[in-house]
Amino acid sequence: MFGKPTWFERKRRGWGIKPTCWQGWIYSAVWTAVLILPFLALVSEGLLIESLVWSVASMAALVWDVREVIHAMSPVVDDVLYIDETETLSERLATRNYDFRLRG
């Protein structure tokens, strides 16, 4: 992940992030340059297939990085069910509301 979650906030509509400080704007400008400049250079040389490959690969990298930033911005969920292999059978059957015991 190249971007930091503190540089951005989630968009109110749609998917993505928007910059909130100068570092976020620099991040956006650098990604724009990384996407456009090599594409234009490849097209000007007549390398259309290579320019298409560059566009797809760089857009995939951008989407992956934005997804990582959004994931880092999301709060951690604490109420995840975790079943430990070392628990006894009666501990596995115990819940907050019920406590099941096996008759032996």
PDB file of N, CA and C in Angstrom:
ATOM      1  N   MET A   1       0.855  -1.163   0.000  1.00  0.00           N
ATOM      2  CA  MET A   1       0.000   0.000   0.000  1.00  0.00           C
ATOM      3  C   MET A   1       0.906   1.232   0.000  1.00  0.00           C
ATOM      4  N   PHE A   2       0.718   2.085  -0.986  1.00  0.00           N
ATOM      5  CA  PHE A   2       1.503   3.309  -1.096  1.00  0.00           C
ATOM      6  C   PHE A   2       0.839   4.463  -0.356  1.00  0.00           C
ATOM      7  N   GLY A   3      -0.477   4.509  -0.371  1.00  0.00           N
ATOM      8  CA  GLY A   3      -1.210   5.577   0.297  1.00  0.00           C
ATOM      9  C   GLY A   3      -1.466   5.249   1.755  1.00  0.00           C
ATOM     10  N   LYS A   4      -1.661   6.283   2.549  1.00  0.00           N
ATOM     11  CA  LYS A   4      -1.977   6.085   3.966  1.00  0.00           C
ATOM     12  C   LYS A   4      -3.426   6.478   4.202  1.00  0.00           C
ATOM     13  N   PRO A   5      -4.127   5.739   5.049  1.00  0.00           N
ATOM     14  CA  PRO A   5      -5.540   6.033   5.303  1.00  0.00           C
ATOM     15  C   PRO A   5      -5.783   7.428   5.867  1.00  0.00           C
ATOM     16  N   THR A   6      -4.801   8.007   6.547  1.00  0.00           N
ATOM     17  CA  THR A   6      -4.992   9.344   7.119  1.00  0.00           C
ATOM     18  C   THR A   6      -5.013  10.431   6.052  1.00  0.00           C
ATOM     19  N   TRP A   7      -4.574  10.124   4.850  1.00  0.00           N
ATOM     20  CA  TRP A   7      -4.554  11.101   3.763  1.00  0.00           C
ATOM     21  C   TRP A   7      -5.895  11.214   3.056  1.00  0.00           C
ATOM     22  N   PHE A   8      -6.828  10.295   3.346  1.00  0.00           N
ATOM     23  CA  PHE A   8      -8.051  10.199   2.566  1.00  0.00           C
ATOM     24  C   PHE A   8      -9.270  10.065   3.462  1.00  0.00           C
ATOM     25  N   GLU A   9     -10.427  10.243   2.846  1.00  0.00           N
ATOM     26  CA  GLU A   9     -11.701   9.880   3.465  1.00  0.00           C
ATOM     27  C   GLU A   9     -12.507   9.146   2.401  1.00  0.00           C
ATOM     28  N   ARG A  10     -13.445   8.345   2.867  1.00  0.00           N
ATOM     29  CA  ARG A  10     -14.280   7.605   1.919  1.00  0.00           C
ATOM     30  C   ARG A  10     -15.199   8.544   1.172  1.00  0.00           C
ATOM     31  N   LYS A  11     -15.473   8.198  -0.069  1.00  0.00           N
ATOM     32  CA  LYS A  11     -16.424   8.983  -0.842  1.00  0.00           C
ATOM     33  C   LYS A  11     -17.821   8.750  -0.282  1.00  0.00           C
ATOM     34  N   ARG A  12     -18.635   9.770  -0.322  1.00  0.00           N
ATOM     35  CA  ARG A  12     -19.998   9.633   0.202  1.00  0.00           C
ATOM     36  C   ARG A  12     -20.876   8.834  -0.746  1.00  0.00           C
ATOM     37  N   ARG A  13     -20.588   8.913  -2.024  1.00  0.00           N
ATOM     38  CA  ARG A  13     -21.347   8.152  -3.022  1.00  0.00           C
ATOM     39  C   ARG A  13     -20.369   7.382  -3.883  1.00  0.00           C
ATOM     40  N   GLY A  14     -20.722   6.182  -4.202  1.00  0.00           N
ATOM     41  CA  GLY A  14     -19.855   5.382  -5.057  1.00  0.00           C
ATOM     42  C   GLY A  14     -18.734   4.718  -4.281  1.00  0.00           C
ATOM     43  N   TRP A  15     -17.783   4.166  -5.033  1.00  0.00           N
ATOM     44  CA  TRP A  15     -16.662   3.453  -4.438  1.00  0.00           C
ATOM     45  C   TRP A  15     -15.414   4.286  -4.599  1.00  0.00           C
ATOM     46  N   GLY A  16     -14.609   4.368  -3.566  1.00  0.00           N
ATOM     47  CA  GLY A  16     -13.335   5.055  -3.687  1.00  0.00           C
ATOM     48  C   GLY A  16     -13.030   5.933  -2.499  1.00  0.00           C
ATOM     49  N   ILE A  17     -11.987   6.730  -2.676  1.00  0.00           N
ATOM     50  CA  ILE A  17     -11.515   7.624  -1.631  1.00  0.00           C
ATOM     51  C   ILE A  17     -11.258   8.996  -2.251  1.00  0.00           C
ATOM     52  N   LYS A  18     -11.243  10.020  -1.389  1.00  0.00           N
ATOM     53  CA  LYS A  18     -10.885  11.350  -1.883  1.00  0.00           C
ATOM     54  C   LYS A  18      -9.867  11.953  -0.928  1.00  0.00           C
ATOM     55  N   PRO A  19      -8.924  12.719  -1.468  1.00  0.00           N
ATOM     56  CA  PRO A  19      -7.851  13.278  -0.641  1.00  0.00           C
ATOM     57  C   PRO A  19      -8.370  14.303   0.362  1.00  0.00           C
ATOM     58  N   THR A  20      -7.741  14.324   1.541  1.00  0.00           N
ATOM     59  CA  THR A  20      -8.093  15.307   2.565  1.00  0.00           C
ATOM     60  C   THR A  20      -6.912  16.192   2.941  1.00  0.00           C
ATOM     61  N   CYS A  21      -5.714  15.873   2.471  1.00  0.00           N
ATOM     62  CA  CYS A  21      -4.537  16.684   2.779  1.00  0.00           C
ATOM     63  C   CYS A  21      -3.610  16.695   1.564  1.00  0.00           C
ATOM     64  N   TRP A  22      -2.533  17.444   1.661  1.00  0.00           N
ATOM     65  CA  TRP A  22      -1.656  17.600   0.496  1.00  0.00           C
ATOM     66  C   TRP A  22      -0.998  16.290   0.095  1.00  0.00           C
ATOM     67  N   GLN A  23      -0.718  15.390   1.057  1.00  0.00           N
ATOM     68  CA  GLN A  23      -0.118  14.105   0.707  1.00  0.00           C
ATOM     69  C   GLN A  23      -1.064  13.278  -0.160  1.00  0.00           C
ATOM     70  N   GLY A  24      -2.351  13.348   0.138  1.00  0.00           N
ATOM     71  CA  GLY A  24      -3.337  12.638  -0.673  1.00  0.00           C
ATOM     72  C   GLY A  24      -3.420  13.192  -2.081  1.00  0.00           C
ATOM     73  N   TRP A  25      -3.298  14.520  -2.208  1.00  0.00           N
ATOM     74  CA  TRP A  25      -3.315  15.129  -3.542  1.00  0.00           C
ATOM     75  C   TRP A  25      -2.060  14.758  -4.330  1.00  0.00           C
ATOM     76  N   ILE A  26      -0.915  14.704  -3.669  1.00  0.00           N
ATOM     77  CA  ILE A  26       0.324  14.275  -4.343  1.00  0.00           C
ATOM     78  C   ILE A  26       0.201  12.821  -4.784  1.00  0.00           C
ATOM     79  N   TYR A  27      -0.344  11.974  -3.906  1.00  0.00           N
ATOM     80  CA  TYR A  27      -0.579  10.565  -4.240  1.00  0.00           C
ATOM     81  C   TYR A  27      -1.449  10.464  -5.493  1.00  0.00           C
ATOM     82  N   SER A  28      -2.524  11.237  -5.552  1.00  0.00           N
ATOM     83  CA  SER A  28      -3.422  11.208  -6.710  1.00  0.00           C
ATOM     84  C   SER A  28      -2.721  11.704  -7.971  1.00  0.00           C
ATOM     85  N   ALA A  29      -1.926  12.760  -7.850  1.00  0.00           N
ATOM     86  CA  ALA A  29      -1.210  13.301  -9.009  1.00  0.00           C
ATOM     87  C   ALA A  29      -0.165  12.320  -9.533  1.00  0.00           C
ATOM     88  N   VAL A  30       0.538  11.655  -8.622  1.00  0.00           N
ATOM     89  CA  VAL A  30       1.549  10.676  -9.050  1.00  0.00           C
ATOM     90  C   VAL A  30       0.887   9.504  -9.755  1.00  0.00           C
ATOM     91  N   TRP A  31      -0.225   9.002  -9.214  1.00  0.00           N
ATOM     92  CA  TRP A  31      -0.921   7.901  -9.880  1.00  0.00           C
ATOM     93  C   TRP A  31      -1.440   8.334 -11.251  1.00  0.00           C
ATOM     94  N   THR A  32      -1.914   9.557 -11.358  1.00  0.00           N
ATOM     95  CA  THR A  32      -2.380  10.050 -12.657  1.00  0.00           C
ATOM     96  C   THR A  32      -1.229  10.076 -13.658  1.00  0.00           C
ATOM     97  N   ALA A  33      -0.069  10.557 -13.224  1.00  0.00           N
ATOM     98  CA  ALA A  33       1.099  10.588 -14.109  1.00  0.00           C
ATOM     99  C   ALA A  33       1.556   9.181 -14.475  1.00  0.00           C
ATOM    100  N   VAL A  34       1.534   8.270 -13.507  1.00  0.00           N
ATOM    101  CA  VAL A  34       1.945   6.884 -13.771  1.00  0.00           C
ATOM    102  C   VAL A  34       1.000   6.217 -14.764  1.00  0.00           C
ATOM    103  N   LEU A  35      -0.261   6.563 -14.727  1.00  0.00           N
ATOM    104  CA  LEU A  35      -1.224   5.980 -15.665  1.00  0.00           C
ATOM    105  C   LEU A  35      -1.124   6.595 -17.056  1.00  0.00           C
ATOM    106  N   ILE A  36      -1.028   7.906 -17.137  1.00  0.00           N
ATOM    107  CA  ILE A  36      -1.183   8.592 -18.424  1.00  0.00           C
ATOM    108  C   ILE A  36       0.121   8.715 -19.220  1.00  0.00           C
ATOM    109  N   LEU A  37       1.217   9.111 -18.592  1.00  0.00           N
ATOM    110  CA  LEU A  37       2.445   9.392 -19.342  1.00  0.00           C
ATOM    111  C   LEU A  37       2.993   8.177 -20.097  1.00  0.00           C
ATOM    112  N   PRO A  38       3.146   7.005 -19.468  1.00  0.00           N
ATOM    113  CA  PRO A  38       3.616   5.851 -20.249  1.00  0.00           C
ATOM    114  C   PRO A  38       2.625   5.442 -21.341  1.00  0.00           C
ATOM    115  N   PHE A  39       1.331   5.578 -21.060  1.00  0.00           N
ATOM    116  CA  PHE A  39       0.325   5.256 -22.075  1.00  0.00           C
ATOM    117  C   PHE A  39       0.499   6.144 -23.305  1.00  0.00           C
ATOM    118  N   LEU A  40       0.642   7.445 -23.086  1.00  0.00           N
ATOM    119  CA  LEU A  40       0.819   8.368 -24.213  1.00  0.00           C
ATOM    120  C   LEU A  40       2.123   8.108 -24.960  1.00  0.00           C
ATOM    121  N   ALA A  41       3.184   7.786 -24.231  1.00  0.00           N
ATOM    122  CA  ALA A  41       4.464   7.488 -24.877  1.00  0.00           C
ATOM    123  C   ALA A  41       4.359   6.230 -25.740  1.00  0.00           C
ATOM    124  N   LEU A  42       3.681   5.209 -25.241  1.00  0.00           N
ATOM    125  CA  LEU A  42       3.523   3.971 -26.013  1.00  0.00           C
ATOM    126  C   LEU A  42       2.642   4.185 -27.234  1.00  0.00           C
ATOM    127  N   VAL A  43       1.583   4.955 -27.090  1.00  0.00           N
ATOM    128  CA  VAL A  43       0.697   5.225 -28.228  1.00  0.00           C
ATOM    129  C   VAL A  43       1.427   6.046 -29.291  1.00  0.00           C
ATOM    130  N   SER A  44       2.226   7.012 -28.862  1.00  0.00           N
ATOM    131  CA  SER A  44       2.948   7.843 -29.841  1.00  0.00           C
ATOM    132  C   SER A  44       3.978   7.039 -30.628  1.00  0.00           C
ATOM    133  N   GLU A  45       4.469   5.946 -30.056  1.00  0.00           N
ATOM    134  CA  GLU A  45       5.406   5.067 -30.760  1.00  0.00           C
ATOM    135  C   GLU A  45       4.687   4.012 -31.593  1.00  0.00           C
ATOM    136  N   GLY A  46       3.364   3.996 -31.537  1.00  0.00           N
ATOM    137  CA  GLY A  46       2.590   3.031 -32.316  1.00  0.00           C
ATOM    138  C   GLY A  46       2.461   1.669 -31.658  1.00  0.00           C
ATOM    139  N   LEU A  47       2.747   1.586 -30.389  1.00  0.00           N
ATOM    140  CA  LEU A  47       2.668   0.316 -29.654  1.00  0.00           C
ATOM    141  C   LEU A  47       1.314   0.234 -28.951  1.00  0.00           C
ATOM    142  N   LEU A  48       0.279  -0.050 -29.725  1.00  0.00           N
ATOM    143  CA  LEU A  48      -1.080  -0.019 -29.185  1.00  0.00           C
ATOM    144  C   LEU A  48      -1.345  -1.163 -28.215  1.00  0.00           C
ATOM    145  N   ILE A  49      -0.876  -2.356 -28.539  1.00  0.00           N
ATOM    146  CA  ILE A  49      -1.107  -3.497 -27.639  1.00  0.00           C
ATOM    147  C   ILE A  49      -0.379  -3.270 -26.316  1.00  0.00           C
ATOM    148  N   GLU A  50       0.848  -2.784 -26.383  1.00  0.00           N
ATOM    149  CA  GLU A  50       1.609  -2.516 -25.161  1.00  0.00           C
ATOM    150  C   GLU A  50       0.949  -1.419 -24.322  1.00  0.00           C
ATOM    151  N   SER A  51       0.383  -0.416 -25.000  1.00  0.00           N
ATOM    152  CA  SER A  51      -0.300   0.645 -24.252  1.00  0.00           C
ATOM    153  C   SER A  51      -1.550   0.117 -23.562  1.00  0.00           C
ATOM    154  N   LEU A  52      -2.245  -0.806 -24.216  1.00  0.00           N
ATOM    155  CA  LEU A  52      -3.419  -1.420 -23.598  1.00  0.00           C
ATOM    156  C   LEU A  52      -3.015  -2.274 -22.400  1.00  0.00           C
ATOM    157  N   VAL A  53      -1.948  -3.046 -22.555  1.00  0.00           N
ATOM    158  CA  VAL A  53      -1.457  -3.865 -21.440  1.00  0.00           C
ATOM    159  C   VAL A  53      -1.031  -2.969 -20.281  1.00  0.00           C
ATOM    160  N   TRP A  54      -0.332  -1.874 -20.578  1.00  0.00           N
ATOM    161  CA  TRP A  54       0.078  -0.939 -19.526  1.00  0.00           C
ATOM    162  C   TRP A  54      -1.138  -0.359 -18.805  1.00  0.00           C
ATOM    163  N   SER A  55      -2.150   0.029 -19.569  1.00  0.00           N
ATOM    164  CA  SER A  55      -3.349   0.621 -18.966  1.00  0.00           C
ATOM    165  C   SER A  55      -4.037  -0.354 -18.026  1.00  0.00           C
ATOM    166  N   VAL A  56      -4.207  -1.591 -18.477  1.00  0.00           N
ATOM    167  CA  VAL A  56      -4.890  -2.594 -17.652  1.00  0.00           C
ATOM    168  C   VAL A  56      -4.077  -2.909 -16.403  1.00  0.00           C
ATOM    169  N   ALA A  57      -2.776  -3.098 -16.559  1.00  0.00           N
ATOM    170  CA  ALA A  57      -1.932  -3.452 -15.414  1.00  0.00           C
ATOM    171  C   ALA A  57      -1.850  -2.313 -14.400  1.00  0.00           C
ATOM    172  N   SER A  58      -1.683  -1.089 -14.870  1.00  0.00           N
ATOM    173  CA  SER A  58      -1.569   0.027 -13.929  1.00  0.00           C
ATOM    174  C   SER A  58      -2.906   0.337 -13.254  1.00  0.00           C
ATOM    175  N   MET A  59      -4.015   0.173 -13.972  1.00  0.00           N
ATOM    176  CA  MET A  59      -5.329   0.367 -13.346  1.00  0.00           C
ATOM    177  C   MET A  59      -5.591  -0.706 -12.289  1.00  0.00           C
ATOM    178  N   ALA A  60      -5.163  -1.937 -12.571  1.00  0.00           N
ATOM    179  CA  ALA A  60      -5.318  -3.008 -11.578  1.00  0.00           C
ATOM    180  C   ALA A  60      -4.502  -2.695 -10.326  1.00  0.00           C
ATOM    181  N   ALA A  61      -3.287  -2.172 -10.507  1.00  0.00           N
ATOM    182  CA  ALA A  61      -2.461  -1.802  -9.356  1.00  0.00           C
ATOM    183  C   ALA A  61      -3.101  -0.666  -8.564  1.00  0.00           C
ATOM    184  N   LEU A  62      -3.684   0.301  -9.252  1.00  0.00           N
ATOM    185  CA  LEU A  62      -4.358   1.412  -8.572  1.00  0.00           C
ATOM    186  C   LEU A  62      -5.571   0.920  -7.788  1.00  0.00           C
ATOM    187  N   VAL A  63      -6.382   0.071  -8.394  1.00  0.00           N
ATOM    188  CA  VAL A  63      -7.564  -0.466  -7.703  1.00  0.00           C
ATOM    189  C   VAL A  63      -7.136  -1.263  -6.478  1.00  0.00           C
ATOM    190  N   TRP A  64      -6.080  -2.076  -6.616  1.00  0.00           N
ATOM    191  CA  TRP A  64      -5.589  -2.855  -5.479  1.00  0.00           C
ATOM    192  C   TRP A  64      -5.136  -1.923  -4.354  1.00  0.00           C
ATOM    193  N   ASP A  65      -4.395  -0.870  -4.685  1.00  0.00           N
ATOM    194  CA  ASP A  65      -3.897   0.035  -3.658  1.00  0.00           C
ATOM    195  C   ASP A  65      -5.034   0.795  -2.975  1.00  0.00           C
ATOM    196  N   VAL A  66      -6.005   1.261  -3.742  1.00  0.00           N
ATOM    197  CA  VAL A  66      -7.156   1.956  -3.155  1.00  0.00           C
ATOM    198  C   VAL A  66      -7.940   0.999  -2.263  1.00  0.00           C
ATOM    199  N   ARG A  67      -8.081  -0.246  -2.707  1.00  0.00           N
ATOM    200  CA  ARG A  67      -8.779  -1.242  -1.892  1.00  0.00           C
ATOM    201  C   ARG A  67      -8.054  -1.469  -0.565  1.00  0.00           C
ATOM    202  N   GLU A  68      -6.737  -1.495  -0.597  1.00  0.00           N
ATOM    203  CA  GLU A  68      -5.958  -1.658   0.632  1.00  0.00           C
ATOM    204  C   GLU A  68      -6.130  -0.452   1.562  1.00  0.00           C
ATOM    205  N   VAL A  69      -6.171   0.739   1.008  1.00  0.00           N
ATOM    206  CA  VAL A  69      -6.383   1.943   1.826  1.00  0.00           C
ATOM    207  C   VAL A  69      -7.768   1.902   2.465  1.00  0.00           C
ATOM    208  N   ILE A  70      -8.782   1.543   1.688  1.00  0.00           N
ATOM    209  CA  ILE A  70     -10.144   1.453   2.224  1.00  0.00           C
ATOM    210  C   ILE A  70     -10.215   0.393   3.313  1.00  0.00           C
ATOM    211  N   HIS A  71      -9.551  -0.737   3.089  1.00  0.00           N
ATOM    212  CA  HIS A  71      -9.545  -1.805   4.094  1.00  0.00           C
ATOM    213  C   HIS A  71      -8.864  -1.327   5.382  1.00  0.00           C
ATOM    214  N   ALA A  72      -7.799  -0.557   5.262  1.00  0.00           N
ATOM    215  CA  ALA A  72      -7.114  -0.041   6.450  1.00  0.00           C
ATOM    216  C   ALA A  72      -7.957   1.002   7.175  1.00  0.00           C
ATOM    217  N   MET A  73      -8.858   1.668   6.464  1.00  0.00           N
ATOM    218  CA  MET A  73      -9.729   2.669   7.082  1.00  0.00           C
ATOM    219  C   MET A  73     -10.895   2.025   7.824  1.00  0.00           C
ATOM    220  N   SER A  74     -11.243   0.798   7.482  1.00  0.00           N
ATOM    221  CA  SER A  74     -12.394   0.122   8.081  1.00  0.00           C
ATOM    222  C   SER A  74     -12.075  -0.287   9.513  1.00  0.00           C
ATOM    223  N   PRO A  75     -13.044  -0.163  10.409  1.00  0.00           N
ATOM    224  CA  PRO A  75     -12.809  -0.585  11.790  1.00  0.00           C
ATOM    225  C   PRO A  75     -12.706  -2.102  11.882  1.00  0.00           C
ATOM    226  N   VAL A  76     -11.951  -2.554  12.867  1.00  0.00           N
ATOM    227  CA  VAL A  76     -11.772  -3.983  13.090  1.00  0.00           C
ATOM    228  C   VAL A  76     -12.999  -4.520  13.811  1.00  0.00           C
ATOM    229  N   VAL A  77     -13.528  -5.623  13.346  1.00  0.00           N
ATOM    230  CA  VAL A  77     -14.701  -6.238  13.953  1.00  0.00           C
ATOM    231  C   VAL A  77     -14.239  -7.125  15.106  1.00  0.00           C
ATOM    232  N   ASP A  78     -14.793  -6.878  16.302  1.00  0.00           N
ATOM    233  CA  ASP A  78     -14.387  -7.639  17.475  1.00  0.00           C
ATOM    234  C   ASP A  78     -15.270  -8.851  17.739  1.00  0.00           C
ATOM    235  N   ASP A  79     -16.483  -8.855  17.219  1.00  0.00           N
ATOM    236  CA  ASP A  79     -17.396  -9.939  17.550  1.00  0.00           C
ATOM    237  C   ASP A  79     -17.321 -11.070  16.521  1.00  0.00           C
ATOM    238  N   VAL A  80     -16.138 -11.618  16.351  1.00  0.00           N
ATOM    239  CA  VAL A  80     -15.923 -12.720  15.425  1.00  0.00           C
ATOM    240  C   VAL A  80     -15.926 -14.017  16.220  1.00  0.00           C
ATOM    241  N   LEU A  81     -16.640 -15.011  15.737  1.00  0.00           N
ATOM    242  CA  LEU A  81     -16.683 -16.315  16.395  1.00  0.00           C
ATOM    243  C   LEU A  81     -15.385 -17.045  16.126  1.00  0.00           C
ATOM    244  N   TYR A  82     -14.736 -17.472  17.181  1.00  0.00           N
ATOM    245  CA  TYR A  82     -13.483 -18.202  17.055  1.00  0.00           C
ATOM    246  C   TYR A  82     -13.618 -19.485  17.854  1.00  0.00           C
ATOM    247  N   ILE A  83     -13.454 -20.609  17.189  1.00  0.00           N
ATOM    248  CA  ILE A  83     -13.549 -21.907  17.853  1.00  0.00           C
ATOM    249  C   ILE A  83     -12.148 -22.476  17.952  1.00  0.00           C
ATOM    250  N   ASP A  84     -11.718 -22.693  19.187  1.00  0.00           N
ATOM    251  CA  ASP A  84     -10.375 -23.199  19.422  1.00  0.00           C
ATOM    252  C   ASP A  84     -10.410 -24.714  19.461  1.00  0.00           C
ATOM    253  N   GLU A  85      -9.407 -25.330  18.899  1.00  0.00           N
ATOM    254  CA  GLU A  85      -9.345 -26.791  18.857  1.00  0.00           C
ATOM    255  C   GLU A  85      -9.101 -27.394  20.238  1.00  0.00           C
ATOM    256  N   THR A  86      -8.593 -26.616  21.188  1.00  0.00           N
ATOM    257  CA  THR A  86      -8.272 -27.159  22.502  1.00  0.00           C
ATOM    258  C   THR A  86      -9.464 -27.145  23.453  1.00  0.00           C
ATOM    259  N   GLU A  87     -10.607 -26.609  23.030  1.00  0.00           N
ATOM    260  CA  GLU A  87     -11.778 -26.580  23.900  1.00  0.00           C
ATOM    261  C   GLU A  87     -12.351 -27.984  24.064  1.00  0.00           C
ATOM    262  N   THR A  88     -12.940 -28.207  25.235  1.00  0.00           N
ATOM    263  CA  THR A  88     -13.637 -29.472  25.439  1.00  0.00           C
ATOM    264  C   THR A  88     -15.004 -29.385  24.779  1.00  0.00           C
ATOM    265  N   LEU A  89     -15.666 -30.525  24.677  1.00  0.00           N
ATOM    266  CA  LEU A  89     -16.960 -30.555  24.010  1.00  0.00           C
ATOM    267  C   LEU A  89     -17.981 -29.691  24.745  1.00  0.00           C
ATOM    268  N   SER A  90     -17.987 -29.732  26.079  1.00  0.00           N
ATOM    269  CA  SER A  90     -18.960 -28.920  26.816  1.00  0.00           C
ATOM    270  C   SER A  90     -18.662 -27.426  26.673  1.00  0.00           C
ATOM    271  N   GLU A  91     -17.396 -27.051  26.549  1.00  0.00           N
ATOM    272  CA  GLU A  91     -17.065 -25.642  26.328  1.00  0.00           C
ATOM    273  C   GLU A  91     -17.509 -25.188  24.944  1.00  0.00           C
ATOM    274  N   ARG A  92     -17.435 -26.088  23.971  1.00  0.00           N
ATOM    275  CA  ARG A  92     -17.870 -25.731  22.626  1.00  0.00           C
ATOM    276  C   ARG A  92     -19.378 -25.546  22.564  1.00  0.00           C
ATOM    277  N   LEU A  93     -20.114 -26.277  23.398  1.00  0.00           N
ATOM    278  CA  LEU A  93     -21.565 -26.191  23.375  1.00  0.00           C
ATOM    279  C   LEU A  93     -22.099 -25.061  24.244  1.00  0.00           C
ATOM    280  N   ALA A  94     -21.277 -24.469  25.074  1.00  0.00           N
ATOM    281  CA  ALA A  94     -21.720 -23.385  25.947  1.00  0.00           C
ATOM    282  C   ALA A  94     -21.822 -22.090  25.147  1.00  0.00           C
ATOM    283  N   THR A  95     -22.915 -21.389  25.332  1.00  0.00           N
ATOM    284  CA  THR A  95     -23.105 -20.087  24.700  1.00  0.00           C
ATOM    285  C   THR A  95     -23.430 -19.076  25.786  1.00  0.00           C
ATOM    286  N   ARG A  96     -23.664 -17.846  25.389  1.00  0.00           N
ATOM    287  CA  ARG A  96     -23.990 -16.826  26.374  1.00  0.00           C
ATOM    288  C   ARG A  96     -25.348 -17.110  27.012  1.00  0.00           C
ATOM    289  N   ASN A  97     -26.301 -17.618  26.249  1.00  0.00           N
ATOM    290  CA  ASN A  97     -27.653 -17.823  26.754  1.00  0.00           C
ATOM    291  C   ASN A  97     -27.896 -19.233  27.276  1.00  0.00           C
ATOM    292  N   TYR A  98     -27.154 -20.202  26.796  1.00  0.00           N
ATOM    293  CA  TYR A  98     -27.395 -21.591  27.180  1.00  0.00           C
ATOM    294  C   TYR A  98     -26.074 -22.254  27.526  1.00  0.00           C
ATOM    295  N   ASP A  99     -26.151 -23.224  28.424  1.00  0.00           N
ATOM    296  CA  ASP A  99     -24.978 -24.015  28.769  1.00  0.00           C
ATOM    297  C   ASP A  99     -25.385 -25.475  28.652  1.00  0.00           C
ATOM    298  N   PHE A 100     -24.988 -26.104  27.587  1.00  0.00           N
ATOM    299  CA  PHE A 100     -25.353 -27.499  27.346  1.00  0.00           C
ATOM    300  C   PHE A 100     -24.332 -28.414  28.004  1.00  0.00           C
ATOM    301  N   ARG A 101     -24.817 -29.462  28.646  1.00  0.00           N
ATOM    302  CA  ARG A 101     -23.948 -30.475  29.246  1.00  0.00           C
ATOM    303  C   ARG A 101     -24.351 -31.833  28.690  1.00  0.00           C
ATOM    304  N   LEU A 102     -23.383 -32.666  28.465  1.00  0.00           N
ATOM    305  CA  LEU A 102     -23.662 -34.018  27.991  1.00  0.00           C
ATOM    306  C   LEU A 102     -23.852 -34.930  29.188  1.00  0.00           C
ATOM    307  N   ARG A 103     -24.871 -35.790  29.105  1.00  0.00           N
ATOM    308  CA  ARG A 103     -25.089 -36.765  30.177  1.00  0.00           C
ATOM    309  C   ARG A 103     -24.211 -37.970  29.905  1.00  0.00           C
ATOM    310  N   GLY A 104     -23.555 -38.401  30.914  1.00  0.00           N
ATOM    311  CA  GLY A 104     -22.617 -39.494  30.698  1.00  0.00           C
ATOM    312  C   GLY A 104     -22.976 -40.762  31.293  1.00  0.00           C
TER     313      GLY A 104
END
